[in-house]
């Protein structure tokens, strides 16, 4: 792989599932839990839709049609059929939601640049046609609007209704869906109930993010290792349960522990707000200022 292909390979990684999951986690810990959960649902919907569309259309990839040589590193990023591009679709879905919610020009410009870069690298690396990346961007933006904004807003749901929806998604996906990790991501975002104010000091940010990544990865590996003895006797795949454990530990258990250790300020989720703005907890909100009493009327002189 020459230098140009190495650069393209690094840029195309920005559209990978790992990069999108990192954005979901950062949005949850550093912006608000509501934003992180919405991002997770958008990403899970994009993954699931892309898997279904690839299986439905079944288009071959450019190197399969022309027989061109593609390095094994690049080929490893090209799984499944060609249309639509998963990298382009997921990037457009996640960053489209970020841009639409932020409503700031520089965020929109950054999102557009990332989507264009990822889409271009998929074509230049020879793993997608132009129609594949265009279709992926269109589908991704549609999902950003539908899942992130048009559907009943996540903070407006009753907590028990969210839990029921999360368990339903989990059961349906594990029962018959491929890539059970996708269903686990959606279910984990629906089952997570914690609310908190993200930290603002560098030390607390480092503790919250670093600790969340460590405990999430530890939970994932623990479930995988625990299920390893069953793999040889027809036991269930560990990917789905491991992903669910990682999401719940990182997005539910860890913030509660961080709250107890005064890293962040948390409050119990009694009811979810109906606004799409970051959650503002009554228990954490400053008390409204009480206006001073009006001055007494001046005394009349005889």
C-alpha atoms as a PDB file:
ATOM      1  CA  UNK A   1       0.000   0.000   0.000  1.00  0.00           C
ATOM      2  CA  UNK A   2       1.565   3.289  -1.126  1.00  0.00           C
ATOM      3  CA  UNK A   3       1.441   6.577   0.786  1.00  0.00           C
ATOM      4  CA  UNK A   4      -1.696   7.847  -0.960  1.00  0.00           C
ATOM      5  CA  UNK A   5      -3.607   4.681  -0.120  1.00  0.00           C
ATOM      6  CA  UNK A   6      -2.379   4.842   3.470  1.00  0.00           C
ATOM      7  CA  UNK A   7      -3.788   8.360   3.807  1.00  0.00           C
ATOM      8  CA  UNK A   8      -7.082   7.277   2.257  1.00  0.00           C
ATOM      9  CA  UNK A   9      -7.206   4.288   4.590  1.00  0.00           C
ATOM     10  CA  UNK A  10      -6.755   6.530   7.644  1.00  0.00           C
ATOM     11  CA  UNK A  11      -9.463   8.931   6.422  1.00  0.00           C
ATOM     12  CA  UNK A  12     -11.911   6.133   5.668  1.00  0.00           C
ATOM     13  CA  UNK A  13     -11.570   4.978   9.285  1.00  0.00           C
ATOM     14  CA  UNK A  14     -13.513   8.114  10.264  1.00  0.00           C
ATOM     15  CA  UNK A  15     -16.588   6.380   8.865  1.00  0.00           C
ATOM     16  CA  UNK A  16     -16.037   3.117  10.710  1.00  0.00           C
ATOM     17  CA  UNK A  17     -18.284   1.817  13.453  1.00  0.00           C
ATOM     18  CA  UNK A  18     -15.550   2.401  16.042  1.00  0.00           C
ATOM     19  CA  UNK A  19     -15.335   6.102  15.199  1.00  0.00           C
ATOM     20  CA  UNK A  20     -19.122   6.484  15.340  1.00  0.00           C
ATOM     21  CA  UNK A  21     -19.350   4.640  18.672  1.00  0.00           C
ATOM     22  CA  UNK A  22     -16.677   6.939  20.084  1.00  0.00           C
ATOM     23  CA  UNK A  23     -18.775   9.946  19.029  1.00  0.00           C
ATOM     24  CA  UNK A  24     -21.848   8.439  20.725  1.00  0.00           C
ATOM     25  CA  UNK A  25     -19.915   7.932  23.959  1.00  0.00           C
ATOM     26  CA  UNK A  26     -18.447  11.441  23.928  1.00  0.00           C
ATOM     27  CA  UNK A  27     -21.862  12.921  23.248  1.00  0.00           C
ATOM     28  CA  UNK A  28     -23.293  11.002  26.216  1.00  0.00           C
ATOM     29  CA  UNK A  29     -20.555  11.917  28.696  1.00  0.00           C
ATOM     30  CA  UNK A  30     -19.635  15.427  27.593  1.00  0.00           C
ATOM     31  CA  UNK A  31     -22.792  16.964  26.048  1.00  0.00           C
ATOM     32  CA  UNK A  32     -25.761  15.302  27.768  1.00  0.00           C
ATOM     33  CA  UNK A  33     -27.111  11.775  28.297  1.00  0.00           C
ATOM     34  CA  UNK A  34     -30.069  12.652  26.061  1.00  0.00           C
ATOM     35  CA  UNK A  35     -27.779  13.525  23.149  1.00  0.00           C
ATOM     36  CA  UNK A  36     -25.737  10.365  23.617  1.00  0.00           C
ATOM     37  CA  UNK A  37     -28.786   8.126  23.725  1.00  0.00           C
ATOM     38  CA  UNK A  38     -30.271   9.757  20.622  1.00  0.00           C
ATOM     39  CA  UNK A  39     -26.965   9.364  18.789  1.00  0.00           C
ATOM     40  CA  UNK A  40     -26.846   5.714  19.805  1.00  0.00           C
ATOM     41  CA  UNK A  41     -30.363   5.109  18.482  1.00  0.00           C
ATOM     42  CA  UNK A  42     -29.565   6.897  15.222  1.00  0.00           C
ATOM     43  CA  UNK A  43     -26.413   4.821  14.770  1.00  0.00           C
ATOM     44  CA  UNK A  44     -28.190   1.561  15.600  1.00  0.00           C
ATOM     45  CA  UNK A  45     -30.997   2.397  13.152  1.00  0.00           C
ATOM     46  CA  UNK A  46     -28.420   3.209  10.465  1.00  0.00           C
ATOM     47  CA  UNK A  47     -26.534  -0.044  11.020  1.00  0.00           C
ATOM     48  CA  UNK A  48     -29.709  -2.099  10.941  1.00  0.00           C
ATOM     49  CA  UNK A  49     -31.109  -0.358   7.856  1.00  0.00           C
ATOM     50  CA  UNK A  50     -27.817  -0.742   6.013  1.00  0.00           C
ATOM     51  CA  UNK A  51     -27.645  -4.453   6.767  1.00  0.00           C
ATOM     52  CA  UNK A  52     -31.205  -4.919   5.495  1.00  0.00           C
ATOM     53  CA  UNK A  53     -30.676  -2.853   2.323  1.00  0.00           C
ATOM     54  CA  UNK A  54     -27.437  -4.643   1.433  1.00  0.00           C
ATOM     55  CA  UNK A  55     -29.154  -8.019   1.772  1.00  0.00           C
ATOM     56  CA  UNK A  56     -32.147  -6.803  -0.243  1.00  0.00           C
ATOM     57  CA  UNK A  57     -30.237  -5.237  -3.157  1.00  0.00           C
ATOM     58  CA  UNK A  58     -27.129  -7.444  -3.250  1.00  0.00           C
ATOM     59  CA  UNK A  59     -25.054  -5.247  -5.557  1.00  0.00           C
ATOM     60  CA  UNK A  60     -21.460  -6.434  -6.182  1.00  0.00           C
ATOM     61  CA  UNK A  61     -18.546  -4.174  -5.357  1.00  0.00           C
ATOM     62  CA  UNK A  62     -16.290  -2.535  -7.986  1.00  0.00           C
ATOM     63  CA  UNK A  63     -13.343  -4.864  -7.386  1.00  0.00           C
ATOM     64  CA  UNK A  64     -15.684  -7.845  -7.727  1.00  0.00           C
ATOM     65  CA  UNK A  65     -16.998  -6.580 -11.071  1.00  0.00           C
ATOM     66  CA  UNK A  66     -13.707  -5.469 -12.609  1.00  0.00           C
ATOM     67  CA  UNK A  67     -11.448  -7.947 -10.843  1.00  0.00           C
ATOM     68  CA  UNK A  68      -9.147  -5.145  -9.717  1.00  0.00           C
ATOM     69  CA  UNK A  69      -6.604  -5.702  -6.978  1.00  0.00           C
ATOM     70  CA  UNK A  70      -7.492  -4.337  -3.539  1.00  0.00           C
ATOM     71  CA  UNK A  71      -5.229  -4.733  -0.532  1.00  0.00           C
ATOM     72  CA  UNK A  72      -6.382  -7.046   2.219  1.00  0.00           C
ATOM     73  CA  UNK A  73      -6.511  -4.112   4.669  1.00  0.00           C
ATOM     74  CA  UNK A  74      -8.935  -2.234   2.443  1.00  0.00           C
ATOM     75  CA  UNK A  75     -10.893  -5.380   1.626  1.00  0.00           C
ATOM     76  CA  UNK A  76     -11.394  -5.927   5.375  1.00  0.00           C
ATOM     77  CA  UNK A  77     -13.424  -2.689   5.489  1.00  0.00           C
ATOM     78  CA  UNK A  78     -15.667  -3.862   2.609  1.00  0.00           C
ATOM     79  CA  UNK A  79     -18.052  -6.450   4.021  1.00  0.00           C
ATOM     80  CA  UNK A  80     -21.374  -7.358   2.482  1.00  0.00           C
ATOM     81  CA  UNK A  81     -22.870  -5.966  -0.699  1.00  0.00           C
ATOM     82  CA  UNK A  82     -21.990  -2.650  -2.288  1.00  0.00           C
ATOM     83  CA  UNK A  83     -25.180  -0.526  -2.112  1.00  0.00           C
ATOM     84  CA  UNK A  84     -25.541   1.506  -0.020  1.00  0.00           C
ATOM     85  CA  UNK A  85     -22.181   2.393   1.477  1.00  0.00           C
ATOM     86  CA  UNK A  86     -22.250   1.686   5.208  1.00  0.00           C
ATOM     87  CA  UNK A  87     -19.372   4.057   5.958  1.00  0.00           C
ATOM     88  CA  UNK A  88     -21.067   6.935   4.112  1.00  0.00           C
ATOM     89  CA  UNK A  89     -24.496   6.143   5.541  1.00  0.00           C
ATOM     90  CA  UNK A  90     -23.413   5.902   9.185  1.00  0.00           C
ATOM     91  CA  UNK A  91     -21.300   9.046   8.948  1.00  0.00           C
ATOM     92  CA  UNK A  92     -24.172  10.992   7.372  1.00  0.00           C
ATOM     93  CA  UNK A  93     -26.648   9.694   9.962  1.00  0.00           C
ATOM     94  CA  UNK A  94     -24.579  10.482  13.053  1.00  0.00           C
ATOM     95  CA  UNK A  95     -22.981  13.726  11.929  1.00  0.00           C
ATOM     96  CA  UNK A  96     -26.202  14.834  10.247  1.00  0.00           C
ATOM     97  CA  UNK A  97     -27.962  14.548  13.599  1.00  0.00           C
ATOM     98  CA  UNK A  98     -25.123  16.438  15.307  1.00  0.00           C
ATOM     99  CA  UNK A  99     -25.268  19.261  12.770  1.00  0.00           C
ATOM    100  CA  UNK A 100     -29.064  19.545  12.827  1.00  0.00           C
ATOM    101  CA  UNK A 101     -29.157  19.639  16.611  1.00  0.00           C
ATOM    102  CA  UNK A 102     -26.225  22.001  17.116  1.00  0.00           C
ATOM    103  CA  UNK A 103     -27.535  24.537  14.566  1.00  0.00           C
ATOM    104  CA  UNK A 104     -24.149  26.171  14.248  1.00  0.00           C
ATOM    105  CA  UNK A 105     -22.444  26.879  10.958  1.00  0.00           C
ATOM    106  CA  UNK A 106     -19.039  25.556  11.937  1.00  0.00           C
ATOM    107  CA  UNK A 107     -20.569  22.278  13.147  1.00  0.00           C
ATOM    108  CA  UNK A 108     -22.512  21.942   9.905  1.00  0.00           C
ATOM    109  CA  UNK A 109     -19.369  22.669   7.878  1.00  0.00           C
ATOM    110  CA  UNK A 110     -17.383  20.093   9.861  1.00  0.00           C
ATOM    111  CA  UNK A 111     -20.111  17.487   9.432  1.00  0.00           C
ATOM    112  CA  UNK A 112     -20.348  18.113   5.678  1.00  0.00           C
ATOM    113  CA  UNK A 113     -16.553  17.879   5.327  1.00  0.00           C
ATOM    114  CA  UNK A 114     -16.387  14.563   7.180  1.00  0.00           C
ATOM    115  CA  UNK A 115     -19.227  13.055   5.142  1.00  0.00           C
ATOM    116  CA  UNK A 116     -17.607  14.136   1.865  1.00  0.00           C
ATOM    117  CA  UNK A 117     -14.182  12.847   2.924  1.00  0.00           C
ATOM    118  CA  UNK A 118     -15.483   9.449   3.992  1.00  0.00           C
ATOM    119  CA  UNK A 119     -17.619   9.064   0.862  1.00  0.00           C
ATOM    120  CA  UNK A 120     -14.713  10.050  -1.397  1.00  0.00           C
ATOM    121  CA  UNK A 121     -12.311   7.592   0.237  1.00  0.00           C
ATOM    122  CA  UNK A 122     -14.704   4.702  -0.327  1.00  0.00           C
ATOM    123  CA  UNK A 123     -14.774   5.438  -4.053  1.00  0.00           C
ATOM    124  CA  UNK A 124     -11.053   6.158  -4.371  1.00  0.00           C
ATOM    125  CA  UNK A 125     -10.131   2.964  -2.514  1.00  0.00           C
ATOM    126  CA  UNK A 126     -12.152   0.993  -5.069  1.00  0.00           C
ATOM    127  CA  UNK A 127     -14.683  -0.568  -2.687  1.00  0.00           C
ATOM    128  CA  UNK A 128     -17.768   1.447  -3.738  1.00  0.00           C
ATOM    129  CA  UNK A 129     -19.322   3.055  -6.777  1.00  0.00           C
ATOM    130  CA  UNK A 130     -20.411   6.695  -6.680  1.00  0.00           C
ATOM    131  CA  UNK A 131     -24.040   5.599  -6.530  1.00  0.00           C
ATOM    132  CA  UNK A 132     -23.269   3.605  -3.402  1.00  0.00           C
ATOM    133  CA  UNK A 133     -21.972   6.559  -1.400  1.00  0.00           C
ATOM    134  CA  UNK A 134     -24.677   8.905  -2.699  1.00  0.00           C
ATOM    135  CA  UNK A 135     -27.352   6.410  -1.679  1.00  0.00           C
ATOM    136  CA  UNK A 136     -25.699   5.955   1.708  1.00  0.00           C
ATOM    137  CA  UNK A 137     -25.624   9.701   2.398  1.00  0.00           C
ATOM    138  CA  UNK A 138     -29.304  10.098   1.429  1.00  0.00           C
ATOM    139  CA  UNK A 139     -30.414   7.185   3.626  1.00  0.00           C
ATOM    140  CA  UNK A 140     -28.233   8.371   6.513  1.00  0.00           C
ATOM    141  CA  UNK A 141     -29.638  11.893   6.480  1.00  0.00           C
ATOM    142  CA  UNK A 142     -33.181  10.531   6.303  1.00  0.00           C
ATOM    143  CA  UNK A 143     -32.528   8.398   9.386  1.00  0.00           C
ATOM    144  CA  UNK A 144     -31.014  11.368  11.223  1.00  0.00           C
ATOM    145  CA  UNK A 145     -34.262  13.241  10.695  1.00  0.00           C
ATOM    146  CA  UNK A 146     -36.618  10.316  11.337  1.00  0.00           C
ATOM    147  CA  UNK A 147     -34.992   8.707  14.359  1.00  0.00           C
ATOM    148  CA  UNK A 148     -33.502  11.837  15.861  1.00  0.00           C
ATOM    149  CA  UNK A 149     -36.341  14.312  15.390  1.00  0.00           C
ATOM    150  CA  UNK A 150     -39.502  13.116  13.627  1.00  0.00           C
ATOM    151  CA  UNK A 151     -40.336  10.119  15.844  1.00  0.00           C
ATOM    152  CA  UNK A 152     -41.727  10.667  19.365  1.00  0.00           C
ATOM    153  CA  UNK A 153     -38.914  12.392  21.174  1.00  0.00           C
ATOM    154  CA  UNK A 154     -36.930  10.265  23.542  1.00  0.00           C
ATOM    155  CA  UNK A 155     -37.227  12.539  26.638  1.00  0.00           C
ATOM    156  CA  UNK A 156     -41.006  12.531  26.239  1.00  0.00           C
ATOM    157  CA  UNK A 157     -41.283   8.787  26.788  1.00  0.00           C
ATOM    158  CA  UNK A 158     -42.363   7.350  30.101  1.00  0.00           C
ATOM    159  CA  UNK A 159     -39.352   5.553  31.677  1.00  0.00           C
ATOM    160  CA  UNK A 160     -41.215   2.250  31.891  1.00  0.00           C
ATOM    161  CA  UNK A 161     -42.288   2.535  28.253  1.00  0.00           C
ATOM    162  CA  UNK A 162     -38.643   3.040  27.322  1.00  0.00           C
ATOM    163  CA  UNK A 163     -37.658  -0.028  29.292  1.00  0.00           C
ATOM    164  CA  UNK A 164     -40.346  -2.102  27.574  1.00  0.00           C
ATOM    165  CA  UNK A 165     -39.211  -0.850  24.148  1.00  0.00           C
ATOM    166  CA  UNK A 166     -35.596  -1.674  24.974  1.00  0.00           C
ATOM    167  CA  UNK A 167     -36.436  -5.212  26.040  1.00  0.00           C
ATOM    168  CA  UNK A 168     -38.591  -5.707  22.929  1.00  0.00           C
ATOM    169  CA  UNK A 169     -35.782  -4.545  20.643  1.00  0.00           C
ATOM    170  CA  UNK A 170     -33.367  -6.825  22.461  1.00  0.00           C
ATOM    171  CA  UNK A 171     -35.578  -9.887  22.178  1.00  0.00           C
ATOM    172  CA  UNK A 172     -36.452  -9.350  18.508  1.00  0.00           C
ATOM    173  CA  UNK A 173     -32.895  -8.638  17.410  1.00  0.00           C
ATOM    174  CA  UNK A 174     -31.275 -11.465  19.315  1.00  0.00           C
ATOM    175  CA  UNK A 175     -33.937 -13.856  18.112  1.00  0.00           C
ATOM    176  CA  UNK A 176     -33.515 -13.344  14.387  1.00  0.00           C
ATOM    177  CA  UNK A 177     -31.296 -10.412  13.480  1.00  0.00           C
ATOM    178  CA  UNK A 178     -27.723 -10.525  12.311  1.00  0.00           C
ATOM    179  CA  UNK A 179     -25.147  -8.430  14.142  1.00  0.00           C
ATOM    180  CA  UNK A 180     -26.810  -8.670  17.585  1.00  0.00           C
ATOM    181  CA  UNK A 181     -24.462  -5.909  18.786  1.00  0.00           C
ATOM    182  CA  UNK A 182     -26.640  -3.438  16.884  1.00  0.00           C
ATOM    183  CA  UNK A 183     -29.747  -4.463  18.810  1.00  0.00           C
ATOM    184  CA  UNK A 184     -27.745  -4.303  22.034  1.00  0.00           C
ATOM    185  CA  UNK A 185     -26.708  -0.721  21.321  1.00  0.00           C
ATOM    186  CA  UNK A 186     -30.318   0.362  20.732  1.00  0.00           C
ATOM    187  CA  UNK A 187     -31.605  -1.565  23.747  1.00  0.00           C
ATOM    188  CA  UNK A 188     -28.878  -0.192  25.997  1.00  0.00           C
ATOM    189  CA  UNK A 189     -29.695   3.384  25.008  1.00  0.00           C
ATOM    190  CA  UNK A 190     -33.387   2.767  25.742  1.00  0.00           C
ATOM    191  CA  UNK A 191     -32.738   1.045  29.080  1.00  0.00           C
ATOM    192  CA  UNK A 192     -30.310   3.681  30.332  1.00  0.00           C
ATOM    193  CA  UNK A 193     -32.086   6.048  32.732  1.00  0.00           C
ATOM    194  CA  UNK A 194     -29.362   8.093  34.416  1.00  0.00           C
ATOM    195  CA  UNK A 195     -29.244  11.879  34.135  1.00  0.00           C
ATOM    196  CA  UNK A 196     -26.384  14.149  35.030  1.00  0.00           C
ATOM    197  CA  UNK A 197     -24.641  17.375  34.274  1.00  0.00           C
ATOM    198  CA  UNK A 198     -21.448  16.781  32.278  1.00  0.00           C
ATOM    199  CA  UNK A 199     -18.247  17.976  33.947  1.00  0.00           C
ATOM    200  CA  UNK A 200     -16.470  21.109  32.807  1.00  0.00           C
ATOM    201  CA  UNK A 201     -13.025  20.851  34.431  1.00  0.00           C
ATOM    202  CA  UNK A 202     -10.279  18.933  32.552  1.00  0.00           C
ATOM    203  CA  UNK A 203      -9.572  16.592  35.455  1.00  0.00           C
ATOM    204  CA  UNK A 204     -13.184  15.487  35.858  1.00  0.00           C
ATOM    205  CA  UNK A 205     -13.611  15.149  32.096  1.00  0.00           C
ATOM    206  CA  UNK A 206     -10.583  12.867  31.965  1.00  0.00           C
ATOM    207  CA  UNK A 207     -11.866  10.744  34.857  1.00  0.00           C
ATOM    208  CA  UNK A 208     -15.381  10.435  33.403  1.00  0.00           C
ATOM    209  CA  UNK A 209     -14.325   9.607  29.835  1.00  0.00           C
ATOM    210  CA  UNK A 210     -11.301   7.474  30.704  1.00  0.00           C
ATOM    211  CA  UNK A 211     -13.141   5.568  33.397  1.00  0.00           C
ATOM    212  CA  UNK A 212     -16.147   5.006  31.148  1.00  0.00           C
ATOM    213  CA  UNK A 213     -14.009   3.564  28.376  1.00  0.00           C
ATOM    214  CA  UNK A 214     -12.161   1.281  30.798  1.00  0.00           C
ATOM    215  CA  UNK A 215     -15.228  -0.111  32.572  1.00  0.00           C
ATOM    216  CA  UNK A 216     -17.141  -0.484  29.287  1.00  0.00           C
ATOM    217  CA  UNK A 217     -14.288  -2.436  27.688  1.00  0.00           C
ATOM    218  CA  UNK A 218     -13.874  -4.518  30.843  1.00  0.00           C
ATOM    219  CA  UNK A 219     -17.568  -5.438  30.855  1.00  0.00           C
ATOM    220  CA  UNK A 220     -17.414  -6.434  27.185  1.00  0.00           C
ATOM    221  CA  UNK A 221     -14.338  -8.644  27.677  1.00  0.00           C
ATOM    222  CA  UNK A 222     -15.748 -10.187  30.842  1.00  0.00           C
ATOM    223  CA  UNK A 223     -18.873 -11.412  29.050  1.00  0.00           C
ATOM    224  CA  UNK A 224     -16.875 -12.652  26.049  1.00  0.00           C
ATOM    225  CA  UNK A 225     -14.472 -14.611  28.270  1.00  0.00           C
ATOM    226  CA  UNK A 226     -17.315 -15.994  30.360  1.00  0.00           C
ATOM    227  CA  UNK A 227     -19.090 -17.260  27.227  1.00  0.00           C
ATOM    228  CA  UNK A 228     -15.915 -18.674  25.645  1.00  0.00           C
ATOM    229  CA  UNK A 229     -16.361 -22.203  27.114  1.00  0.00           C
ATOM    230  CA  UNK A 230     -19.844 -22.390  25.544  1.00  0.00           C
ATOM    231  CA  UNK A 231     -18.659 -21.442  22.045  1.00  0.00           C
ATOM    232  CA  UNK A 232     -17.453 -24.946  21.268  1.00  0.00           C
ATOM    233  CA  UNK A 233     -20.686 -26.671  22.287  1.00  0.00           C
ATOM    234  CA  UNK A 234     -23.137 -24.606  20.309  1.00  0.00           C
ATOM    235  CA  UNK A 235     -23.657 -21.943  22.917  1.00  0.00           C
ATOM    236  CA  UNK A 236     -25.048 -18.522  22.038  1.00  0.00           C
ATOM    237  CA  UNK A 237     -22.781 -15.935  20.480  1.00  0.00           C
ATOM    238  CA  UNK A 238     -21.321 -13.561  23.061  1.00  0.00           C
ATOM    239  CA  UNK A 239     -21.299 -10.444  20.885  1.00  0.00           C
ATOM    240  CA  UNK A 240     -24.827  -9.315  21.699  1.00  0.00           C
ATOM    241  CA  UNK A 241     -24.738  -9.835  25.486  1.00  0.00           C
ATOM    242  CA  UNK A 242     -21.224  -8.395  25.671  1.00  0.00           C
ATOM    243  CA  UNK A 243     -22.262  -5.246  23.806  1.00  0.00           C
ATOM    244  CA  UNK A 244     -25.321  -4.826  26.030  1.00  0.00           C
ATOM    245  CA  UNK A 245     -23.194  -5.193  29.154  1.00  0.00           C
ATOM    246  CA  UNK A 246     -20.712  -2.617  27.866  1.00  0.00           C
ATOM    247  CA  UNK A 247     -23.438  -0.064  27.068  1.00  0.00           C
ATOM    248  CA  UNK A 248     -25.243  -0.479  30.392  1.00  0.00           C
ATOM    249  CA  UNK A 249     -22.056  -0.340  32.443  1.00  0.00           C
ATOM    250  CA  UNK A 250     -20.721   2.714  30.595  1.00  0.00           C
ATOM    251  CA  UNK A 251     -24.035   4.575  30.256  1.00  0.00           C
ATOM    252  CA  UNK A 252     -25.782   3.605  33.512  1.00  0.00           C
ATOM    253  CA  UNK A 253     -23.569   2.116  36.212  1.00  0.00           C
ATOM    254  CA  UNK A 254     -20.470   4.222  35.638  1.00  0.00           C
ATOM    255  CA  UNK A 255     -22.219   7.643  35.722  1.00  0.00           C
ATOM    256  CA  UNK A 256     -23.913   6.665  38.989  1.00  0.00           C
ATOM    257  CA  UNK A 257     -20.577   5.700  40.505  1.00  0.00           C
ATOM    258  CA  UNK A 258     -19.024   8.907  39.188  1.00  0.00           C
ATOM    259  CA  UNK A 259     -21.859  10.823  40.824  1.00  0.00           C
ATOM    260  CA  UNK A 260     -21.187   9.181  44.172  1.00  0.00           C
ATOM    261  CA  UNK A 261     -17.521  10.100  43.863  1.00  0.00           C
ATOM    262  CA  UNK A 262     -18.457  13.743  43.099  1.00  0.00           C
ATOM    263  CA  UNK A 263     -17.020  13.600  39.598  1.00  0.00           C
ATOM    264  CA  UNK A 264     -20.403  14.671  38.180  1.00  0.00           C
ATOM    265  CA  UNK A 265     -23.745  15.777  39.579  1.00  0.00           C
ATOM    266  CA  UNK A 266     -26.507  13.218  39.060  1.00  0.00           C
ATOM    267  CA  UNK A 267     -30.179  12.968  39.890  1.00  0.00           C
ATOM    268  CA  UNK A 268     -32.650  10.101  39.683  1.00  0.00           C
ATOM    269  CA  UNK A 269     -34.662   9.986  36.478  1.00  0.00           C
ATOM    270  CA  UNK A 270     -38.266  10.376  37.601  1.00  0.00           C
ATOM    271  CA  UNK A 271     -39.653  11.842  34.397  1.00  0.00           C
ATOM    272  CA  UNK A 272     -37.936  12.650  31.150  1.00  0.00           C
ATOM    273  CA  UNK A 273     -38.149  16.128  29.757  1.00  0.00           C
ATOM    274  CA  UNK A 274     -40.094  16.813  26.606  1.00  0.00           C
ATOM    275  CA  UNK A 275     -37.659  19.366  25.250  1.00  0.00           C
ATOM    276  CA  UNK A 276     -34.917  18.384  22.815  1.00  0.00           C
ATOM    277  CA  UNK A 277     -32.534  20.634  24.698  1.00  0.00           C
ATOM    278  CA  UNK A 278     -30.008  19.045  27.078  1.00  0.00           C
ATOM    279  CA  UNK A 279     -31.735  17.891  30.281  1.00  0.00           C
ATOM    280  CA  UNK A 280     -32.018  20.421  33.054  1.00  0.00           C
ATOM    281  CA  UNK A 281     -32.745  18.744  36.362  1.00  0.00           C
ATOM    282  CA  UNK A 282     -34.848  20.551  38.907  1.00  0.00           C
ATOM    283  CA  UNK A 283     -32.774  19.123  41.700  1.00  0.00           C
ATOM    284  CA  UNK A 284     -29.639  20.557  40.147  1.00  0.00           C
ATOM    285  CA  UNK A 285     -31.028  23.801  38.746  1.00  0.00           C
ATOM    286  CA  UNK A 286     -30.262  26.959  40.697  1.00  0.00           C
ATOM    287  CA  UNK A 287     -33.108  28.408  42.698  1.00  0.00           C
ATOM    288  CA  UNK A 288     -34.854  31.258  40.926  1.00  0.00           C
ATOM    289  CA  UNK A 289     -34.068  34.671  42.227  1.00  0.00           C
ATOM    290  CA  UNK A 290     -36.738  36.077  44.518  1.00  0.00           C
ATOM    291  CA  UNK A 291     -37.547  39.698  43.629  1.00  0.00           C
ATOM    292  CA  UNK A 292     -37.127  42.140  46.509  1.00  0.00           C
ATOM    293  CA  UNK A 293     -40.322  43.437  48.130  1.00  0.00           C
ATOM    294  CA  UNK A 294     -41.590  46.781  46.835  1.00  0.00           C
ATOM    295  CA  UNK A 295     -40.516  49.824  48.887  1.00  0.00           C
ATOM    296  CA  UNK A 296     -43.090  51.208  51.329  1.00  0.00           C
ATOM    297  CA  UNK A 297     -45.050  54.261  50.197  1.00  0.00           C
ATOM    298  CA  UNK A 298     -43.581  57.592  51.334  1.00  0.00           C
ATOM    299  CA  UNK A 299     -45.084  59.071  54.464  1.00  0.00           C
ATOM    300  CA  UNK A 300     -47.266  62.092  53.980  1.00  0.00           C
ATOM    301  CA  UNK A 301     -46.118  65.204  55.791  1.00  0.00           C
ATOM    302  CA  UNK A 302     -48.752  67.485  57.438  1.00  0.00           C
END
